């Protein structure tokens, strides 16, 4: 393929011009959101893969879909073997998310 027109852009989360081959994952996420919105359980999703396969871009698409459906999104990058930092960061992100859901609570803080 011509390197100039190749839509693959290996650049840590950079949005490619074309999101190819991710329809099954996007459809699964749409189903997950739709079921949760109806109060129905749905199997969780775990995104894994080698460096450069588009995990960050896919998560960005999930984020856009969740925000469009009026969900609160909490983003957190975790590292191995750092339980204390993970707990601190998770508590902070969850507090922020709860304040987004309940603006009255933010006014009392």
PDB file of N, CA and C in Angstrom:
ATOM      1  N   UNK A   1       0.843  -1.183   0.000  1.00  0.00           N
ATOM      2  CA  UNK A   1       0.000   0.000   0.000  1.00  0.00           C
ATOM      3  C   UNK A   1       0.886   1.242   0.000  1.00  0.00           C
ATOM      4  N   UNK A   2       0.387   2.254  -0.658  1.00  0.00           N
ATOM      5  CA  UNK A   2       1.102   3.521  -0.733  1.00  0.00           C
ATOM      6  C   UNK A   2       1.190   4.150   0.661  1.00  0.00           C
ATOM      7  N   UNK A   3       2.399   4.402   1.186  1.00  0.00           N
ATOM      8  CA  UNK A   3       2.542   4.960   2.521  1.00  0.00           C
ATOM      9  C   UNK A   3       1.880   6.321   2.685  1.00  0.00           C
ATOM     10  N   UNK A   4       1.742   7.070   1.625  1.00  0.00           N
ATOM     11  CA  UNK A   4       1.135   8.390   1.702  1.00  0.00           C
ATOM     12  C   UNK A   4      -0.376   8.311   1.946  1.00  0.00           C
ATOM     13  N   UNK A   5      -1.035   7.323   1.353  1.00  0.00           N
ATOM     14  CA  UNK A   5      -2.495   7.221   1.474  1.00  0.00           C
ATOM     15  C   UNK A   5      -2.940   6.166   2.486  1.00  0.00           C
ATOM     16  N   UNK A   6      -1.995   5.462   3.096  1.00  0.00           N
ATOM     17  CA  UNK A   6      -2.329   4.435   4.090  1.00  0.00           C
ATOM     18  C   UNK A   6      -3.027   5.092   5.287  1.00  0.00           C
ATOM     19  N   UNK A   7      -4.250   4.641   5.651  1.00  0.00           N
ATOM     20  CA  UNK A   7      -4.959   5.266   6.777  1.00  0.00           C
ATOM     21  C   UNK A   7      -4.375   4.907   8.142  1.00  0.00           C
ATOM     22  N   UNK A   8      -3.507   3.899   8.205  1.00  0.00           N
ATOM     23  CA  UNK A   8      -2.896   3.507   9.477  1.00  0.00           C
ATOM     24  C   UNK A   8      -1.914   4.586   9.914  1.00  0.00           C
ATOM     25  N   UNK A   9      -2.126   5.098  11.119  1.00  0.00           N
ATOM     26  CA  UNK A   9      -1.249   6.146  11.645  1.00  0.00           C
ATOM     27  C   UNK A   9      -0.710   5.714  12.999  1.00  0.00           C
ATOM     28  N   UNK A  10       0.453   5.087  13.039  1.00  0.00           N
ATOM     29  CA  UNK A  10       0.999   4.630  14.316  1.00  0.00           C
ATOM     30  C   UNK A  10       1.476   5.812  15.162  1.00  0.00           C
ATOM     31  N   UNK A  11       0.579   6.298  16.016  1.00  0.00           N
ATOM     32  CA  UNK A  11       0.914   7.488  16.785  1.00  0.00           C
ATOM     33  C   UNK A  11       0.074   7.557  18.054  1.00  0.00           C
ATOM     34  N   UNK A  12       0.306   6.688  18.984  1.00  0.00           N
ATOM     35  CA  UNK A  12      -0.273   6.679  20.332  1.00  0.00           C
ATOM     36  C   UNK A  12      -1.592   7.414  20.484  1.00  0.00           C
ATOM     37  N   UNK A  13      -2.651   6.829  19.987  1.00  0.00           N
ATOM     38  CA  UNK A  13      -3.981   7.377  20.187  1.00  0.00           C
ATOM     39  C   UNK A  13      -4.420   8.411  19.179  1.00  0.00           C
ATOM     40  N   UNK A  14      -3.583   8.679  18.179  1.00  0.00           N
ATOM     41  CA  UNK A  14      -3.969   9.648  17.153  1.00  0.00           C
ATOM     42  C   UNK A  14      -5.157   9.105  16.377  1.00  0.00           C
ATOM     43  N   UNK A  15      -6.142   9.952  16.144  1.00  0.00           N
ATOM     44  CA  UNK A  15      -7.346   9.532  15.426  1.00  0.00           C
ATOM     45  C   UNK A  15      -7.003   9.268  13.957  1.00  0.00           C
ATOM     46  N   UNK A  16      -7.210   8.037  13.484  1.00  0.00           N
ATOM     47  CA  UNK A  16      -6.932   7.751  12.074  1.00  0.00           C
ATOM     48  C   UNK A  16      -8.014   8.361  11.183  1.00  0.00           C
ATOM     49  N   UNK A  17      -7.703   8.510   9.914  1.00  0.00           N
ATOM     50  CA  UNK A  17      -8.698   9.041   8.979  1.00  0.00           C
ATOM     51  C   UNK A  17      -9.828   8.034   8.765  1.00  0.00           C
ATOM     52  N   UNK A  18      -9.522   6.755   8.942  1.00  0.00           N
ATOM     53  CA  UNK A  18     -10.512   5.692   8.781  1.00  0.00           C
ATOM     54  C   UNK A  18     -10.405   4.737   9.956  1.00  0.00           C
ATOM     55  N   UNK A  19     -11.535   4.411  10.570  1.00  0.00           N
ATOM     56  CA  UNK A  19     -11.560   3.431  11.647  1.00  0.00           C
ATOM     57  C   UNK A  19     -12.043   2.119  11.026  1.00  0.00           C
ATOM     58  N   UNK A  20     -11.100   1.322  10.556  1.00  0.00           N
ATOM     59  CA  UNK A  20     -11.445   0.117   9.802  1.00  0.00           C
ATOM     60  C   UNK A  20     -11.420  -1.125  10.675  1.00  0.00           C
ATOM     61  N   UNK A  21     -12.361  -2.017  10.452  1.00  0.00           N
ATOM     62  CA  UNK A  21     -12.362  -3.313  11.092  1.00  0.00           C
ATOM     63  C   UNK A  21     -12.793  -3.318  12.546  1.00  0.00           C
ATOM     64  N   UNK A  22     -13.398  -2.247  13.026  1.00  0.00           N
ATOM     65  CA  UNK A  22     -13.786  -2.176  14.439  1.00  0.00           C
ATOM     66  C   UNK A  22     -15.303  -2.217  14.648  1.00  0.00           C
ATOM     67  N   UNK A  23     -16.055  -2.465  13.573  1.00  0.00           N
ATOM     68  CA  UNK A  23     -17.507  -2.498  13.706  1.00  0.00           C
ATOM     69  C   UNK A  23     -18.008  -3.530  14.715  1.00  0.00           C
ATOM     70  N   UNK A  24     -17.430  -4.735  14.793  1.00  0.00           N
ATOM     71  CA  UNK A  24     -17.923  -5.684  15.807  1.00  0.00           C
ATOM     72  C   UNK A  24     -17.773  -5.146  17.234  1.00  0.00           C
ATOM     73  N   UNK A  25     -16.644  -4.505  17.542  1.00  0.00           N
ATOM     74  CA  UNK A  25     -16.437  -3.947  18.876  1.00  0.00           C
ATOM     75  C   UNK A  25     -17.366  -2.754  19.130  1.00  0.00           C
ATOM     76  N   UNK A  26     -17.544  -1.906  18.127  1.00  0.00           N
ATOM     77  CA  UNK A  26     -18.435  -0.750  18.276  1.00  0.00           C
ATOM     78  C   UNK A  26     -19.883  -1.197  18.446  1.00  0.00           C
ATOM     79  N   UNK A  27     -20.285  -2.225  17.699  1.00  0.00           N
ATOM     80  CA  UNK A  27     -21.642  -2.771  17.832  1.00  0.00           C
ATOM     81  C   UNK A  27     -21.843  -3.390  19.209  1.00  0.00           C
ATOM     82  N   UNK A  28     -20.834  -4.095  19.715  1.00  0.00           N
ATOM     83  CA  UNK A  28     -20.921  -4.684  21.056  1.00  0.00           C
ATOM     84  C   UNK A  28     -21.063  -3.601  22.121  1.00  0.00           C
ATOM     85  N   UNK A  29     -20.349  -2.505  21.943  1.00  0.00           N
ATOM     86  CA  UNK A  29     -20.445  -1.413  22.900  1.00  0.00           C
ATOM     87  C   UNK A  29     -21.815  -0.746  22.823  1.00  0.00           C
ATOM     88  N   UNK A  30     -22.350  -0.586  21.621  1.00  0.00           N
ATOM     89  CA  UNK A  30     -23.697  -0.035  21.468  1.00  0.00           C
ATOM     90  C   UNK A  30     -24.718  -0.918  22.197  1.00  0.00           C
ATOM     91  N   UNK A  31     -24.585  -2.227  22.056  1.00  0.00           N
ATOM     92  CA  UNK A  31     -25.480  -3.157  22.744  1.00  0.00           C
ATOM     93  C   UNK A  31     -25.319  -3.035  24.249  1.00  0.00           C
ATOM     94  N   UNK A  32     -24.083  -2.946  24.715  1.00  0.00           N
ATOM     95  CA  UNK A  32     -23.822  -2.787  26.144  1.00  0.00           C
ATOM     96  C   UNK A  32     -24.519  -1.536  26.681  1.00  0.00           C
ATOM     97  N   UNK A  33     -24.369  -0.410  26.007  1.00  0.00           N
ATOM     98  CA  UNK A  33     -25.005   0.827  26.447  1.00  0.00           C
ATOM     99  C   UNK A  33     -26.528   0.712  26.430  1.00  0.00           C
ATOM    100  N   UNK A  34     -27.064   0.149  25.364  1.00  0.00           N
ATOM    101  CA  UNK A  34     -28.519   0.033  25.236  1.00  0.00           C
ATOM    102  C   UNK A  34     -29.104  -0.836  26.345  1.00  0.00           C
ATOM    103  N   UNK A  35     -28.432  -1.938  26.644  1.00  0.00           N
ATOM    104  CA  UNK A  35     -28.934  -2.812  27.709  1.00  0.00           C
ATOM    105  C   UNK A  35     -28.809  -2.139  29.074  1.00  0.00           C
ATOM    106  N   UNK A  36     -27.717  -1.474  29.332  1.00  0.00           N
ATOM    107  CA  UNK A  36     -27.550  -0.782  30.609  1.00  0.00           C
ATOM    108  C   UNK A  36     -28.582   0.327  30.772  1.00  0.00           C
ATOM    109  N   UNK A  37     -28.898   1.022  29.681  1.00  0.00           N
ATOM    110  CA  UNK A  37     -29.890   2.088  29.745  1.00  0.00           C
ATOM    111  C   UNK A  37     -31.273   1.543  30.089  1.00  0.00           C
ATOM    112  N   UNK A  38     -31.491   0.277  29.798  1.00  0.00           N
ATOM    113  CA  UNK A  38     -32.770  -0.367  30.128  1.00  0.00           C
ATOM    114  C   UNK A  38     -32.712  -1.109  31.453  1.00  0.00           C
ATOM    115  N   UNK A  39     -31.581  -0.942  32.160  1.00  0.00           N
ATOM    116  CA  UNK A  39     -31.443  -1.613  33.447  1.00  0.00           C
ATOM    117  C   UNK A  39     -31.161  -3.098  33.333  1.00  0.00           C
ATOM    118  N   UNK A  40     -30.684  -3.515  32.192  1.00  0.00           N
ATOM    119  CA  UNK A  40     -30.389  -4.919  31.944  1.00  0.00           C
ATOM    120  C   UNK A  40     -28.886  -5.153  32.031  1.00  0.00           C
ATOM    121  N   UNK A  41     -28.488  -6.266  32.641  1.00  0.00           N
ATOM    122  CA  UNK A  41     -27.049  -6.543  32.709  1.00  0.00           C
ATOM    123  C   UNK A  41     -26.500  -6.902  31.326  1.00  0.00           C
ATOM    124  N   UNK A  42     -25.243  -6.646  31.170  1.00  0.00           N
ATOM    125  CA  UNK A  42     -24.549  -7.002  29.934  1.00  0.00           C
ATOM    126  C   UNK A  42     -23.125  -7.357  30.295  1.00  0.00           C
ATOM    127  N   UNK A  43     -22.536  -8.259  29.562  1.00  0.00           N
ATOM    128  CA  UNK A  43     -21.167  -8.684  29.829  1.00  0.00           C
ATOM    129  C   UNK A  43     -20.211  -7.511  29.623  1.00  0.00           C
ATOM    130  N   UNK A  44     -19.255  -7.358  30.526  1.00  0.00           N
ATOM    131  CA  UNK A  44     -18.254  -6.295  30.431  1.00  0.00           C
ATOM    132  C   UNK A  44     -17.363  -6.503  29.213  1.00  0.00           C
ATOM    133  N   UNK A  45     -16.668  -5.448  28.838  1.00  0.00           N
ATOM    134  CA  UNK A  45     -15.727  -5.532  27.723  1.00  0.00           C
ATOM    135  C   UNK A  45     -14.323  -5.258  28.247  1.00  0.00           C
ATOM    136  N   UNK A  46     -13.378  -6.003  27.730  1.00  0.00           N
ATOM    137  CA  UNK A  46     -11.966  -5.777  28.027  1.00  0.00           C
ATOM    138  C   UNK A  46     -11.263  -5.576  26.690  1.00  0.00           C
ATOM    139  N   UNK A  47     -10.550  -4.481  26.560  1.00  0.00           N
ATOM    140  CA  UNK A  47      -9.842  -4.172  25.316  1.00  0.00           C
ATOM    141  C   UNK A  47      -8.374  -4.491  25.526  1.00  0.00           C
ATOM    142  N   UNK A  48      -7.852  -5.432  24.753  1.00  0.00           N
ATOM    143  CA  UNK A  48      -6.449  -5.808  24.845  1.00  0.00           C
ATOM    144  C   UNK A  48      -5.839  -5.849  23.448  1.00  0.00           C
ATOM    145  N   UNK A  49      -4.531  -5.867  23.391  1.00  0.00           N
ATOM    146  CA  UNK A  49      -3.865  -5.988  22.098  1.00  0.00           C
ATOM    147  C   UNK A  49      -2.462  -5.427  22.158  1.00  0.00           C
ATOM    148  N   UNK A  50      -1.733  -5.715  21.126  1.00  0.00           N
ATOM    149  CA  UNK A  50      -0.363  -5.239  21.022  1.00  0.00           C
ATOM    150  C   UNK A  50      -0.332  -3.732  20.810  1.00  0.00           C
ATOM    151  N   UNK A  51       0.796  -3.162  21.075  1.00  0.00           N
ATOM    152  CA  UNK A  51       1.004  -1.725  20.870  1.00  0.00           C
ATOM    153  C   UNK A  51       0.730  -1.378  19.409  1.00  0.00           C
ATOM    154  N   UNK A  52      -0.049  -0.323  19.214  1.00  0.00           N
ATOM    155  CA  UNK A  52      -0.282   0.174  17.862  1.00  0.00           C
ATOM    156  C   UNK A  52      -1.464  -0.422  17.125  1.00  0.00           C
ATOM    157  N   UNK A  53      -2.263  -1.280  17.790  1.00  0.00           N
ATOM    158  CA  UNK A  53      -3.386  -1.890  17.071  1.00  0.00           C
ATOM    159  C   UNK A  53      -4.659  -1.048  17.137  1.00  0.00           C
ATOM    160  N   UNK A  54      -4.646   0.034  17.921  1.00  0.00           N
ATOM    161  CA  UNK A  54      -5.798   0.922  17.951  1.00  0.00           C
ATOM    162  C   UNK A  54      -6.653   0.857  19.201  1.00  0.00           C
ATOM    163  N   UNK A  55      -6.098   0.363  20.302  1.00  0.00           N
ATOM    164  CA  UNK A  55      -6.873   0.270  21.548  1.00  0.00           C
ATOM    165  C   UNK A  55      -7.309   1.643  22.034  1.00  0.00           C
ATOM    166  N   UNK A  56      -6.405   2.601  22.053  1.00  0.00           N
ATOM    167  CA  UNK A  56      -6.717   3.938  22.549  1.00  0.00           C
ATOM    168  C   UNK A  56      -7.746   4.619  21.659  1.00  0.00           C
ATOM    169  N   UNK A  57      -7.628   4.464  20.367  1.00  0.00           N
ATOM    170  CA  UNK A  57      -8.596   5.048  19.436  1.00  0.00           C
ATOM    171  C   UNK A  57      -9.969   4.415  19.652  1.00  0.00           C
ATOM    172  N   UNK A  58     -10.008   3.099  19.841  1.00  0.00           N
ATOM    173  CA  UNK A  58     -11.272   2.407  20.090  1.00  0.00           C
ATOM    174  C   UNK A  58     -11.906   2.887  21.397  1.00  0.00           C
ATOM    175  N   UNK A  59     -11.099   3.019  22.444  1.00  0.00           N
ATOM    176  CA  UNK A  59     -11.617   3.526  23.714  1.00  0.00           C
ATOM    177  C   UNK A  59     -12.140   4.956  23.555  1.00  0.00           C
ATOM    178  N   UNK A  60     -11.490   5.737  22.718  1.00  0.00           N
ATOM    179  CA  UNK A  60     -11.971   7.086  22.436  1.00  0.00           C
ATOM    180  C   UNK A  60     -13.347   7.073  21.779  1.00  0.00           C
ATOM    181  N   UNK A  61     -13.563   6.114  20.885  1.00  0.00           N
ATOM    182  CA  UNK A  61     -14.881   5.968  20.253  1.00  0.00           C
ATOM    183  C   UNK A  61     -15.927   5.543  21.279  1.00  0.00           C
ATOM    184  N   UNK A  62     -15.543   4.628  22.173  1.00  0.00           N
ATOM    185  CA  UNK A  62     -16.456   4.215  23.245  1.00  0.00           C
ATOM    186  C   UNK A  62     -16.825   5.424  24.103  1.00  0.00           C
ATOM    187  N   UNK A  63     -15.837   6.251  24.400  1.00  0.00           N
ATOM    188  CA  UNK A  63     -16.066   7.447  25.214  1.00  0.00           C
ATOM    189  C   UNK A  63     -17.079   8.365  24.549  1.00  0.00           C
ATOM    190  N   UNK A  64     -16.898   8.628  23.248  1.00  0.00           N
ATOM    191  CA  UNK A  64     -17.821   9.485  22.504  1.00  0.00           C
ATOM    192  C   UNK A  64     -19.238   8.928  22.538  1.00  0.00           C
ATOM    193  N   UNK A  65     -19.373   7.634  22.340  1.00  0.00           N
ATOM    194  CA  UNK A  65     -20.690   6.997  22.351  1.00  0.00           C
ATOM    195  C   UNK A  65     -21.333   7.096  23.734  1.00  0.00           C
ATOM    196  N   UNK A  66     -20.556   6.868  24.776  1.00  0.00           N
ATOM    197  CA  UNK A  66     -21.094   6.928  26.138  1.00  0.00           C
ATOM    198  C   UNK A  66     -21.531   8.353  26.481  1.00  0.00           C
ATOM    199  N   UNK A  67     -20.720   9.344  26.142  1.00  0.00           N
ATOM    200  CA  UNK A  67     -21.082  10.731  26.415  1.00  0.00           C
ATOM    201  C   UNK A  67     -22.325  11.142  25.630  1.00  0.00           C
ATOM    202  N   UNK A  68     -22.430  10.683  24.383  1.00  0.00           N
ATOM    203  CA  UNK A  68     -23.610  10.988  23.565  1.00  0.00           C
ATOM    204  C   UNK A  68     -24.878  10.384  24.164  1.00  0.00           C
ATOM    205  N   UNK A  69     -24.722   9.290  24.910  1.00  0.00           N
ATOM    206  CA  UNK A  69     -25.857   8.632  25.564  1.00  0.00           C
ATOM    207  C   UNK A  69     -26.055   9.150  26.994  1.00  0.00           C
ATOM    208  N   UNK A  70     -25.393  10.264  27.327  1.00  0.00           N
ATOM    209  CA  UNK A  70     -25.504  10.906  28.647  1.00  0.00           C
ATOM    210  C   UNK A  70     -24.957  10.075  29.796  1.00  0.00           C
ATOM    211  N   UNK A  71     -23.922   9.314  29.544  1.00  0.00           N
ATOM    212  CA  UNK A  71     -23.211   8.602  30.599  1.00  0.00           C
ATOM    213  C   UNK A  71     -22.050   9.462  31.058  1.00  0.00           C
ATOM    214  N   UNK A  72     -21.617   9.266  32.284  1.00  0.00           N
ATOM    215  CA  UNK A  72     -20.417   9.925  32.786  1.00  0.00           C
ATOM    216  C   UNK A  72     -19.245   8.984  32.514  1.00  0.00           C
ATOM    217  N   UNK A  73     -18.161   9.529  32.019  1.00  0.00           N
ATOM    218  CA  UNK A  73     -16.993   8.720  31.678  1.00  0.00           C
ATOM    219  C   UNK A  73     -15.851   9.073  32.628  1.00  0.00           C
ATOM    220  N   UNK A  74     -15.282   8.059  33.249  1.00  0.00           N
ATOM    221  CA  UNK A  74     -14.117   8.247  34.113  1.00  0.00           C
ATOM    222  C   UNK A  74     -12.932   7.569  33.437  1.00  0.00           C
ATOM    223  N   UNK A  75     -11.917   8.334  33.121  1.00  0.00           N
ATOM    224  CA  UNK A  75     -10.734   7.800  32.455  1.00  0.00           C
ATOM    225  C   UNK A  75      -9.608   7.652  33.459  1.00  0.00           C
ATOM    226  N   UNK A  76      -8.919   6.517  33.391  1.00  0.00           N
ATOM    227  CA  UNK A  76      -7.847   6.245  34.339  1.00  0.00           C
ATOM    228  C   UNK A  76      -6.843   5.305  33.694  1.00  0.00           C
ATOM    229  N   UNK A  77      -5.593   5.715  33.677  1.00  0.00           N
ATOM    230  CA  UNK A  77      -4.529   4.843  33.187  1.00  0.00           C
ATOM    231  C   UNK A  77      -3.836   4.249  34.402  1.00  0.00           C
ATOM    232  N   UNK A  78      -3.764   2.931  34.448  1.00  0.00           N
ATOM    233  CA  UNK A  78      -3.185   2.274  35.616  1.00  0.00           C
ATOM    234  C   UNK A  78      -1.863   1.609  35.253  1.00  0.00           C
ATOM    235  N   UNK A  79      -1.066   1.380  36.284  1.00  0.00           N
ATOM    236  CA  UNK A  79       0.225   0.711  36.113  1.00  0.00           C
ATOM    237  C   UNK A  79       0.278  -0.500  37.021  1.00  0.00           C
ATOM    238  N   UNK A  80       1.075  -1.453  36.645  1.00  0.00           N
ATOM    239  CA  UNK A  80       1.258  -2.651  37.471  1.00  0.00           C
ATOM    240  C   UNK A  80       1.925  -2.296  38.792  1.00  0.00           C
ATOM    241  N   UNK A  81       1.580  -3.057  39.814  1.00  0.00           N
ATOM    242  CA  UNK A  81       2.268  -3.007  41.108  1.00  0.00           C
ATOM    243  C   UNK A  81       2.214  -1.641  41.792  1.00  0.00           C
ATOM    244  N   UNK A  82       1.104  -0.946  41.649  1.00  0.00           N
ATOM    245  CA  UNK A  82       0.993   0.354  42.310  1.00  0.00           C
ATOM    246  C   UNK A  82      -0.402   0.487  42.909  1.00  0.00           C
ATOM    247  N   UNK A  83      -0.722  -0.417  43.846  1.00  0.00           N
ATOM    248  CA  UNK A  83      -2.059  -0.475  44.416  1.00  0.00           C
ATOM    249  C   UNK A  83      -2.469   0.802  45.129  1.00  0.00           C
ATOM    250  N   UNK A  84      -1.577   1.415  45.861  1.00  0.00           N
ATOM    251  CA  UNK A  84      -1.920   2.617  46.616  1.00  0.00           C
ATOM    252  C   UNK A  84      -2.285   3.751  45.672  1.00  0.00           C
ATOM    253  N   UNK A  85      -1.487   3.972  44.665  1.00  0.00           N
ATOM    254  CA  UNK A  85      -1.762   5.025  43.690  1.00  0.00           C
ATOM    255  C   UNK A  85      -3.063   4.731  42.940  1.00  0.00           C
ATOM    256  N   UNK A  86      -3.276   3.457  42.586  1.00  0.00           N
ATOM    257  CA  UNK A  86      -4.505   3.074  41.892  1.00  0.00           C
ATOM    258  C   UNK A  86      -5.734   3.419  42.732  1.00  0.00           C
ATOM    259  N   UNK A  87      -5.703   3.066  44.007  1.00  0.00           N
ATOM    260  CA  UNK A  87      -6.841   3.346  44.886  1.00  0.00           C
ATOM    261  C   UNK A  87      -7.083   4.854  45.012  1.00  0.00           C
ATOM    262  N   UNK A  88      -6.018   5.608  45.158  1.00  0.00           N
ATOM    263  CA  UNK A  88      -6.145   7.059  45.289  1.00  0.00           C
ATOM    264  C   UNK A  88      -6.737   7.671  44.018  1.00  0.00           C
ATOM    265  N   UNK A  89      -6.199   7.266  42.875  1.00  0.00           N
ATOM    266  CA  UNK A  89      -6.672   7.808  41.612  1.00  0.00           C
ATOM    267  C   UNK A  89      -8.120   7.380  41.334  1.00  0.00           C
ATOM    268  N   UNK A  90      -8.440   6.122  41.647  1.00  0.00           N
ATOM    269  CA  UNK A  90      -9.795   5.625  41.418  1.00  0.00           C
ATOM    270  C   UNK A  90     -10.796   6.393  42.286  1.00  0.00           C
ATOM    271  N   UNK A  91     -10.457   6.606  43.549  1.00  0.00           N
ATOM    272  CA  UNK A  91     -11.343   7.355  44.444  1.00  0.00           C
ATOM    273  C   UNK A  91     -11.557   8.778  43.922  1.00  0.00           C
ATOM    274  N   UNK A  92     -10.492   9.406  43.462  1.00  0.00           N
ATOM    275  CA  UNK A  92     -10.596  10.766  42.938  1.00  0.00           C
ATOM    276  C   UNK A  92     -11.486  10.814  41.698  1.00  0.00           C
ATOM    277  N   UNK A  93     -11.281   9.873  40.767  1.00  0.00           N
ATOM    278  CA  UNK A  93     -12.082   9.852  39.531  1.00  0.00           C
ATOM    279  C   UNK A  93     -13.542   9.557  39.830  1.00  0.00           C
ATOM    280  N   UNK A  94     -13.801   8.658  40.775  1.00  0.00           N
ATOM    281  CA  UNK A  94     -15.188   8.317  41.111  1.00  0.00           C
ATOM    282  C   UNK A  94     -15.880   9.489  41.793  1.00  0.00           C
ATOM    283  N   UNK A  95     -15.158  10.226  42.621  1.00  0.00           N
ATOM    284  CA  UNK A  95     -15.734  11.416  43.256  1.00  0.00           C
ATOM    285  C   UNK A  95     -16.105  12.442  42.195  1.00  0.00           C
ATOM    286  N   UNK A  96     -15.212  12.655  41.251  1.00  0.00           N
ATOM    287  CA  UNK A  96     -15.489  13.591  40.166  1.00  0.00           C
ATOM    288  C   UNK A  96     -16.711  13.144  39.368  1.00  0.00           C
ATOM    289  N   UNK A  97     -16.797  11.862  39.064  1.00  0.00           N
ATOM    290  CA  UNK A  97     -17.941  11.328  38.314  1.00  0.00           C
ATOM    291  C   UNK A  97     -19.236  11.519  39.094  1.00  0.00           C
ATOM    292  N   UNK A  98     -19.201  11.258  40.387  1.00  0.00           N
ATOM    293  CA  UNK A  98     -20.401  11.428  41.208  1.00  0.00           C
ATOM    294  C   UNK A  98     -20.836  12.889  41.258  1.00  0.00           C
ATOM    295  N   UNK A  99     -19.880  13.793  41.308  1.00  0.00           N
ATOM    296  CA  UNK A  99     -20.216  15.219  41.298  1.00  0.00           C
ATOM    297  C   UNK A  99     -20.803  15.646  39.953  1.00  0.00           C
ATOM    298  N   UNK A 100     -20.376  15.021  38.879  1.00  0.00           N
ATOM    299  CA  UNK A 100     -20.967  15.309  37.569  1.00  0.00           C
ATOM    300  C   UNK A 100     -22.420  14.859  37.530  1.00  0.00           C
ATOM    301  N   UNK A 101     -22.703  13.746  38.173  1.00  0.00           N
ATOM    302  CA  UNK A 101     -24.061  13.214  38.193  1.00  0.00           C
ATOM    303  C   UNK A 101     -24.949  14.062  39.097  1.00  0.00           C
ATOM    304  N   UNK A 102     -24.399  14.563  40.191  1.00  0.00           N
ATOM    305  CA  UNK A 102     -25.165  15.301  41.180  1.00  0.00           C
ATOM    306  C   UNK A 102     -24.585  16.698  41.383  1.00  0.00           C
ATOM    307  N   UNK A 103     -24.990  17.652  40.551  1.00  0.00           N
ATOM    308  CA  UNK A 103     -24.454  19.005  40.687  1.00  0.00           C
ATOM    309  C   UNK A 103     -24.717  19.622  42.066  1.00  0.00           C
ATOM    310  N   UNK A 104     -25.797  19.247  42.723  1.00  0.00           N
ATOM    311  CA  UNK A 104     -26.083  19.790  44.058  1.00  0.00           C
ATOM    312  C   UNK A 104     -24.972  19.433  45.026  1.00  0.00           C
ATOM    313  N   UNK A 105     -24.458  18.227  44.918  1.00  0.00           N
ATOM    314  CA  UNK A 105     -23.371  17.788  45.793  1.00  0.00           C
ATOM    315  C   UNK A 105     -22.130  18.645  45.571  1.00  0.00           C
ATOM    316  N   UNK A 106     -21.878  19.046  44.352  1.00  0.00           N
ATOM    317  CA  UNK A 106     -20.710  19.883  44.052  1.00  0.00           C
ATOM    318  C   UNK A 106     -20.823  21.236  44.726  1.00  0.00           C
ATOM    319  N   UNK A 107     -22.033  21.756  44.848  1.00  0.00           N
ATOM    320  CA  UNK A 107     -22.217  23.062  45.477  1.00  0.00           C
ATOM    321  C   UNK A 107     -21.974  23.007  46.986  1.00  0.00           C
ATOM    322  N   UNK A 108     -22.193  21.842  47.605  1.00  0.00           N
ATOM    323  CA  UNK A 108     -21.995  21.702  49.034  1.00  0.00           C
ATOM    324  C   UNK A 108     -20.530  21.477  49.392  1.00  0.00           C
ATOM    325  N   UNK A 109     -19.712  21.095  48.427  1.00  0.00           N
ATOM    326  CA  UNK A 109     -18.295  20.777  48.717  1.00  0.00           C
ATOM    327  C   UNK A 109     -17.482  22.017  48.949  1.00  0.00           C
TER     328      UNK A 109
END
